[in-house]
Amino acid sequence: MTNTKKFLYLIISLLLGALLSFVLGSYQANIFELLTHFDQAQLILLTIRLPRLLACLLGGGSLALSGLLLQTLTQNPLADSGILGINTGAGFVLSFFLATGYLSQGIHTGLLPLVAMLGGFLTVLIVYLLAYKKNHSINPNRLIISGVGLSTMMASLTVTLVGHIDRYKVDYISRWLSGQINGDNWAILTITSPLLILLWLLAYSQYTSLNIMTLNEHTATALGLNLKKERLIILFLATALSAISVILVGNITFVGLIAGHSVRKLFGNNHLISIPAALIMGMLILLLSDSIGRIFLVGLGIPTGLLVAMIGAPYFLSLMLKIK
C-alpha cells in the first residue's frame, strides 16, 4: 500500500472518529433533538462536547509531534515528552503557581502557556544535566532513565505541595496528573490553539533538517547541517508543544511514543509526510481514548490518561525488550 493511501485512511479514520465523538455520548444528538430542544443541545454540544473534541485534537496532535521530534533528536524510539518528564515539569510549575495563590490572584490566562513552557524547559535542562557526561555525547538510555526518575519525583512533589497548602485542591491536581481533558474552556482553547498551530508549522518547516538528522553525525555535518543549532531548535519545539498541551489535556504520556514509532513503521523516516501523519495519529489516539471513556465507561471516573497508559505501557515495554 502506498503512503498516499495510508495517509488518506488516517484522515478518514480521524474524520469518522471526530464525528462519532461529537454526536455520541450520554446525550445522543439527532435532528429531532436539535429542533425540539435546541437550547439544551447547544449547551451540551457547543459548550461542553466541541471544546473537549478540539482539546483532544490539539493536545493529541501536539504530544504526538513532540514525541516524533524527540525520537529523531535522540535517535531513540522510546523517547516521549511524558517519559522525559516534560509534561510533569510543566504541570509542577503550573501547580506551584496555583497552590501559592498566584493563579487566583491575577495571573492572566494568557500567561499560562509561558508558565507551562518555563516548567517544561527547566525539566529538560535538569534531565540533560543528569544525563550529561563530560567528553561524551548524550546517551539516550541515560536520558530516558533520568527523565523517568525526575518525572516520578515531580509528580509526588506536585501532590505534596498542593495538599500541604490547600487540601481541597488535591482533587484538581490528581485529575490533572491522571490526564483529565480540559473540555469546557473556550478561553484557554482560544489562547493555546494559535500557539500550537504555529509550532506545528515551524516543526514542519524543519523537515529537511530532521531528515538529515536521521543519518549519523558525520554524514549530517558533511551535508552542511549545523547539528548543534538544529538540535536546539528541535528541542525547543518539542518542549513547547508538550508543555502547552499540558494545559489542555493534563499529564498524558505515551501518545508521542505510540504515534511517533507507529508512524515511522508506516511511513518511514521522511518527515515531509511523517510530521502530518504523526499529528493525525496522535489526534486519533487521544480522541478514541477519550471517547471510549466518555461513552462506554461513563460514571466510572476513569480519566483519558489512564486509558492511554493501558495501551502505551505495554507498548513501551515491548519496544524496550526489542532494543538491544
Protein backbone atom coordinates (compact mmCIF):
# COMPACT_ATOMS: atom_id res chain seq x y z
CA MET A 1 0.00 0.00 0.00
CA THR A 2 1.36 3.42 -0.95
CA ASN A 3 1.98 6.18 1.59
CA THR A 4 -0.72 8.27 -0.06
CA LYS A 5 -3.36 5.61 0.57
CA LYS A 6 -2.19 5.11 4.15
CA PHE A 7 -2.37 8.84 4.79
CA LEU A 8 -5.84 9.02 3.24
CA TYR A 9 -7.05 6.20 5.51
CA LEU A 10 -5.67 8.06 8.51
CA ILE A 11 -7.58 11.21 7.57
CA ILE A 12 -10.81 9.29 7.01
CA SER A 13 -10.41 7.50 10.35
CA LEU A 14 -9.89 10.82 12.13
CA LEU A 15 -12.94 12.43 10.49
CA LEU A 16 -15.14 9.46 11.40
CA GLY A 17 -13.78 9.39 14.94
CA ALA A 18 -14.35 13.11 15.41
CA LEU A 19 -17.91 12.87 14.10
CA LEU A 20 -18.80 9.92 16.34
CA SER A 21 -17.19 11.59 19.35
CA PHE A 22 -19.21 14.73 18.74
CA VAL A 23 -22.63 13.11 18.36
CA LEU A 24 -22.34 10.11 20.72
CA GLY A 25 -22.48 10.13 24.48
CA SER A 26 -24.94 10.08 27.34
CA TYR A 27 -26.78 12.76 25.34
CA GLN A 28 -27.49 11.47 21.81
CA ALA A 29 -27.55 14.28 19.25
CA ASN A 30 -30.04 13.92 16.40
CA ILE A 31 -32.05 16.22 14.16
CA PHE A 32 -35.23 15.82 16.24
CA GLU A 33 -33.43 16.80 19.46
CA LEU A 34 -31.81 19.78 17.76
CA LEU A 35 -35.21 21.03 16.57
CA THR A 36 -37.17 20.42 19.77
CA HIS A 37 -34.54 21.05 22.47
CA PHE A 38 -32.22 23.50 20.74
CA ASP A 39 -31.03 25.29 23.91
CA GLN A 40 -30.14 22.02 25.64
CA ALA A 41 -28.44 20.67 22.52
CA GLN A 42 -26.47 23.89 22.09
CA LEU A 43 -25.31 23.78 25.71
CA ILE A 44 -24.11 20.18 25.52
CA LEU A 45 -22.68 20.16 22.00
CA LEU A 46 -21.15 23.63 21.72
CA THR A 47 -20.27 24.42 25.33
CA ILE A 48 -19.05 21.02 26.52
CA ARG A 49 -18.54 18.49 23.73
CA LEU A 50 -17.00 20.65 20.96
CA PRO A 51 -14.27 22.24 23.12
CA ARG A 52 -13.46 18.80 24.54
CA LEU A 53 -13.15 17.46 20.99
CA LEU A 54 -10.85 20.35 19.99
CA ALA A 55 -8.75 19.86 23.14
CA CYS A 56 -8.24 16.20 22.18
CA LEU A 57 -7.25 17.12 18.63
CA LEU A 58 -4.86 19.90 19.61
CA GLY A 59 -3.38 18.11 22.62
CA GLY A 60 -3.09 14.71 20.96
CA GLY A 61 -1.52 16.10 17.80
CA SER A 62 0.97 18.19 19.77
CA LEU A 63 2.02 15.33 22.05
CA ALA A 64 2.49 13.06 19.02
CA LEU A 65 4.57 15.61 17.13
CA SER A 66 6.65 16.28 20.25
CA GLY A 67 7.33 12.55 20.54
CA LEU A 68 8.32 12.27 16.88
CA LEU A 69 10.73 15.20 17.21
CA LEU A 70 12.30 13.80 20.37
CA GLN A 71 12.72 10.37 18.77
CA THR A 72 14.52 11.94 15.83
CA LEU A 73 16.61 14.13 18.13
CA THR A 74 17.75 11.29 20.40
CA GLN A 75 17.71 8.53 17.76
CA ASN A 76 15.73 6.53 20.31
CA PRO A 77 12.24 5.07 19.62
CA LEU A 78 11.49 5.17 23.37
CA ALA A 79 11.69 8.96 23.58
CA ASP A 80 8.48 10.74 24.56
CA SER A 81 7.69 14.03 26.28
CA GLY A 82 5.97 12.23 29.15
CA ILE A 83 8.80 9.76 29.66
CA LEU A 84 11.39 12.58 29.63
CA GLY A 85 9.38 14.43 32.30
CA ILE A 86 8.45 17.49 30.24
CA ASN A 87 4.71 17.10 30.90
CA THR A 88 5.18 16.65 34.64
CA GLY A 89 7.63 19.55 34.83
CA ALA A 90 5.19 21.89 33.11
CA GLY A 91 2.40 20.70 35.40
CA PHE A 92 4.57 21.11 38.51
CA VAL A 93 5.22 24.78 37.79
CA LEU A 94 1.54 25.37 37.00
CA SER A 95 0.62 23.63 40.25
CA PHE A 96 3.12 25.74 42.17
CA PHE A 97 1.50 28.95 40.97
CA LEU A 98 -1.93 27.50 41.68
CA ALA A 99 -1.01 26.26 45.15
CA THR A 100 0.66 29.50 46.19
CA GLY A 101 -2.33 31.52 45.01
CA TYR A 102 -0.66 33.40 42.15
CA LEU A 103 -3.02 31.98 39.53
CA SER A 104 -6.05 33.08 41.53
CA GLN A 105 -4.56 36.47 42.31
CA GLY A 106 -4.42 37.90 38.86
CA ILE A 107 -2.10 35.95 36.56
CA HIS A 108 -3.88 36.36 33.27
CA THR A 109 -4.98 33.23 31.45
CA GLY A 110 -2.83 34.32 28.52
CA LEU A 111 0.31 33.73 30.61
CA LEU A 112 -0.50 30.07 31.25
CA PRO A 113 1.43 28.86 28.14
CA LEU A 114 4.51 30.80 29.28
CA VAL A 115 4.30 29.31 32.77
CA ALA A 116 3.92 25.80 31.33
CA MET A 117 6.83 26.32 28.93
CA LEU A 118 9.00 27.55 31.80
CA GLY A 119 8.36 24.30 33.65
CA GLY A 120 8.98 22.22 30.54
CA PHE A 121 12.30 23.90 29.70
CA LEU A 122 13.57 23.72 33.29
CA THR A 123 12.80 19.99 33.32
CA VAL A 124 14.62 19.42 30.01
CA LEU A 125 17.64 21.29 31.37
CA ILE A 126 17.74 19.17 34.54
CA VAL A 127 17.30 15.92 32.60
CA TYR A 128 20.09 16.97 30.21
CA LEU A 129 22.45 17.77 33.11
CA LEU A 130 21.67 14.44 34.79
CA ALA A 131 22.38 12.54 31.57
CA TYR A 132 25.47 14.56 30.65
CA LYS A 133 28.93 13.08 30.92
CA LYS A 134 31.98 15.18 30.18
CA ASN A 135 33.67 14.45 26.84
CA HIS A 136 30.83 12.09 25.85
CA SER A 137 27.76 12.54 23.68
CA ILE A 138 24.38 12.25 25.38
CA ASN A 139 23.47 8.61 25.99
CA PRO A 140 19.80 8.08 25.04
CA ASN A 141 19.37 5.44 27.73
CA ARG A 142 20.68 7.78 30.45
CA LEU A 143 18.34 10.44 29.09
CA ILE A 144 15.31 8.12 29.39
CA ILE A 145 16.22 6.92 32.89
CA SER A 146 16.85 10.48 34.10
CA GLY A 147 13.53 11.63 32.65
CA VAL A 148 11.53 8.80 34.23
CA GLY A 149 13.13 9.36 37.64
CA LEU A 150 12.66 13.12 37.58
CA SER A 151 9.08 12.79 36.34
CA THR A 152 8.17 10.45 39.20
CA MET A 153 9.73 12.74 41.76
CA MET A 154 7.97 15.86 40.47
CA ALA A 155 4.60 14.09 40.32
CA SER A 156 4.94 13.27 44.01
CA LEU A 157 6.09 16.79 44.84
CA THR A 158 3.11 18.23 42.97
CA VAL A 159 0.54 16.40 45.10
CA THR A 160 2.52 17.07 48.28
CA LEU A 161 2.84 20.77 47.52
CA VAL A 162 -0.81 21.35 46.77
CA GLY A 163 -2.06 19.07 49.54
CA HIS A 164 0.06 20.86 52.11
CA ILE A 165 -1.27 24.28 51.16
CA ASP A 166 -4.90 23.55 50.38
CA ARG A 167 -6.32 20.04 50.68
CA TYR A 168 -9.32 21.00 48.51
CA LYS A 169 -7.01 21.45 45.53
CA VAL A 170 -5.66 17.89 45.70
CA ASP A 171 -8.58 16.55 43.65
CA TYR A 172 -7.90 19.05 40.88
CA ILE A 173 -4.20 18.19 40.73
CA SER A 174 -4.90 14.44 40.92
CA ARG A 175 -7.23 14.72 37.93
CA TRP A 176 -4.55 16.61 36.04
CA LEU A 177 -1.88 14.03 36.92
CA SER A 178 -4.09 11.21 35.63
CA GLY A 179 -4.76 13.01 32.31
CA GLN A 180 -8.09 14.77 32.55
CA ILE A 181 -9.23 16.52 29.36
CA ASN A 182 -9.97 20.21 29.93
CA GLY A 183 -13.04 20.16 27.70
CA ASP A 184 -15.21 23.13 28.61
CA ASN A 185 -12.89 26.12 28.49
CA TRP A 186 -13.11 28.16 25.30
CA ALA A 187 -10.85 30.87 26.77
CA ILE A 188 -7.87 28.53 27.14
CA LEU A 189 -8.54 26.97 23.72
CA THR A 190 -8.55 30.44 22.14
CA ILE A 191 -5.13 31.17 23.61
CA THR A 192 -3.39 27.84 23.13
CA SER A 193 -4.66 26.82 19.68
CA PRO A 194 -2.88 29.58 17.68
CA LEU A 195 0.37 28.87 19.56
CA LEU A 196 0.18 25.12 18.95
CA ILE A 197 -0.69 25.51 15.26
CA LEU A 198 2.22 27.94 14.86
CA LEU A 199 4.54 25.38 16.47
CA TRP A 200 3.17 22.70 14.11
CA LEU A 201 4.05 24.88 11.11
CA LEU A 202 7.52 25.68 12.48
CA ALA A 203 8.18 21.98 13.06
CA TYR A 204 7.04 21.13 9.54
CA SER A 205 9.38 23.77 8.12
CA GLN A 206 12.28 21.80 9.67
CA TYR A 207 11.51 18.58 7.80
CA THR A 208 14.70 18.72 5.68
CA SER A 209 16.91 19.14 8.74
CA LEU A 210 15.03 16.37 10.54
CA ASN A 211 15.59 14.02 7.58
CA ILE A 212 19.32 14.72 7.68
CA MET A 213 19.39 14.23 11.47
CA THR A 214 18.26 10.62 10.99
CA LEU A 215 21.69 9.99 9.45
CA ASN A 216 24.87 9.66 11.51
CA GLU A 217 26.60 12.79 12.81
CA HIS A 218 29.49 12.71 10.33
CA THR A 219 27.17 12.45 7.32
CA ALA A 220 24.89 15.19 8.64
CA THR A 221 27.84 17.52 9.21
CA ALA A 222 29.26 16.70 5.75
CA LEU A 223 25.90 17.71 4.24
CA GLY A 224 26.30 21.15 5.82
CA LEU A 225 23.86 20.79 8.73
CA ASN A 226 24.67 22.78 11.86
CA LEU A 227 23.79 19.98 14.27
CA LYS A 228 24.14 21.99 17.48
CA LYS A 229 21.83 24.74 16.25
CA GLU A 230 19.27 22.38 14.72
CA ARG A 231 19.15 20.20 17.82
CA LEU A 232 18.42 23.23 19.98
CA ILE A 233 15.62 24.27 17.62
CA ILE A 234 14.05 20.80 17.62
CA LEU A 235 14.37 20.53 21.40
CA PHE A 236 12.68 23.92 21.80
CA LEU A 237 9.81 22.94 19.51
CA ALA A 238 9.28 19.54 21.17
CA THR A 239 9.33 21.02 24.67
CA ALA A 240 6.99 23.90 23.80
CA LEU A 241 4.49 21.56 22.10
CA SER A 242 4.39 19.22 25.08
CA ALA A 243 4.29 21.94 27.74
CA ILE A 244 1.42 23.87 26.17
CA SER A 245 -0.59 20.70 25.51
CA VAL A 246 -0.46 20.02 29.28
CA ILE A 247 -2.83 22.96 29.79
CA LEU A 248 -5.44 21.24 27.61
CA VAL A 249 -5.14 17.53 28.39
CA GLY A 250 -3.16 17.21 31.61
CA ASN A 251 -0.31 14.81 32.20
CA ILE A 252 -0.89 12.24 29.44
CA THR A 253 2.06 10.05 28.50
CA PHE A 254 2.77 7.53 25.73
CA VAL A 255 0.84 9.38 22.98
CA GLY A 256 4.09 10.61 21.44
CA LEU A 257 5.74 7.23 21.91
CA ILE A 258 2.95 5.27 20.18
CA ALA A 259 2.27 7.82 17.43
CA GLY A 260 5.91 8.56 16.63
CA HIS A 261 7.00 4.93 16.49
CA SER A 262 3.95 3.68 14.56
CA VAL A 263 4.23 6.49 12.01
CA ARG A 264 7.87 5.59 11.36
CA LYS A 265 6.88 1.99 10.76
CA LEU A 266 4.08 3.01 8.40
CA PHE A 267 5.67 5.90 6.50
CA GLY A 268 9.43 5.66 7.07
CA ASN A 269 11.78 8.49 8.08
CA ASN A 270 10.68 11.12 5.56
CA HIS A 271 9.42 13.92 7.82
CA LEU A 272 7.67 15.57 4.90
CA ILE A 273 4.89 13.03 5.43
CA SER A 274 5.66 11.63 8.91
CA ILE A 275 5.05 15.01 10.62
CA PRO A 276 1.44 15.44 9.40
CA ALA A 277 0.87 11.69 9.83
CA ALA A 278 2.06 11.89 13.45
CA LEU A 279 -0.28 14.82 14.10
CA ILE A 280 -3.25 12.85 12.80
CA MET A 281 -2.20 9.66 14.60
CA GLY A 282 -1.88 11.50 17.91
CA MET A 283 -5.27 13.16 17.45
CA LEU A 284 -6.82 9.78 16.70
CA ILE A 285 -5.24 8.03 19.70
CA LEU A 286 -6.34 10.66 22.21
CA LEU A 287 -9.76 11.13 20.63
CA LEU A 288 -10.55 7.40 20.66
CA SER A 289 -9.28 7.01 24.22
CA ASP A 290 -11.40 9.92 25.42
CA SER A 291 -14.45 8.71 23.51
CA ILE A 292 -14.18 5.18 24.96
CA GLY A 293 -14.02 6.58 28.49
CA ARG A 294 -16.80 9.09 27.94
CA ILE A 295 -19.22 6.80 26.06
CA PHE A 296 -18.61 3.25 27.31
CA LEU A 297 -17.16 3.84 30.78
CA VAL A 298 -19.41 6.74 31.81
CA GLY A 299 -19.83 7.09 35.55
CA LEU A 300 -16.67 5.14 36.41
CA GLY A 301 -14.50 8.25 36.57
CA ILE A 302 -11.68 6.69 34.53
CA PRO A 303 -9.54 9.53 33.09
CA THR A 304 -8.37 9.55 29.50
CA GLY A 305 -4.71 9.40 30.55
CA LEU A 306 -5.24 6.07 32.26
CA LEU A 307 -6.79 4.55 29.13
CA VAL A 308 -3.86 5.78 27.03
CA ALA A 309 -1.41 4.36 29.60
CA MET A 310 -3.12 0.95 29.47
CA ILE A 311 -2.13 0.79 25.80
CA GLY A 312 1.11 2.76 25.98
CA ALA A 313 2.79 1.00 28.92
CA PRO A 314 2.78 -2.50 27.29
CA TYR A 315 3.83 -0.88 24.00
CA PHE A 316 6.74 0.84 25.79
CA LEU A 317 7.83 -2.41 27.48
CA SER A 318 7.67 -4.37 24.22
CA LEU A 319 9.83 -1.76 22.47
CA MET A 320 12.32 -1.72 25.35
CA LEU A 321 12.68 -5.52 25.18
CA LYS A 322 13.33 -5.37 21.43
CA ILE A 323 16.11 -2.79 21.77
CA LYS A 324 19.50 -4.43 22.29
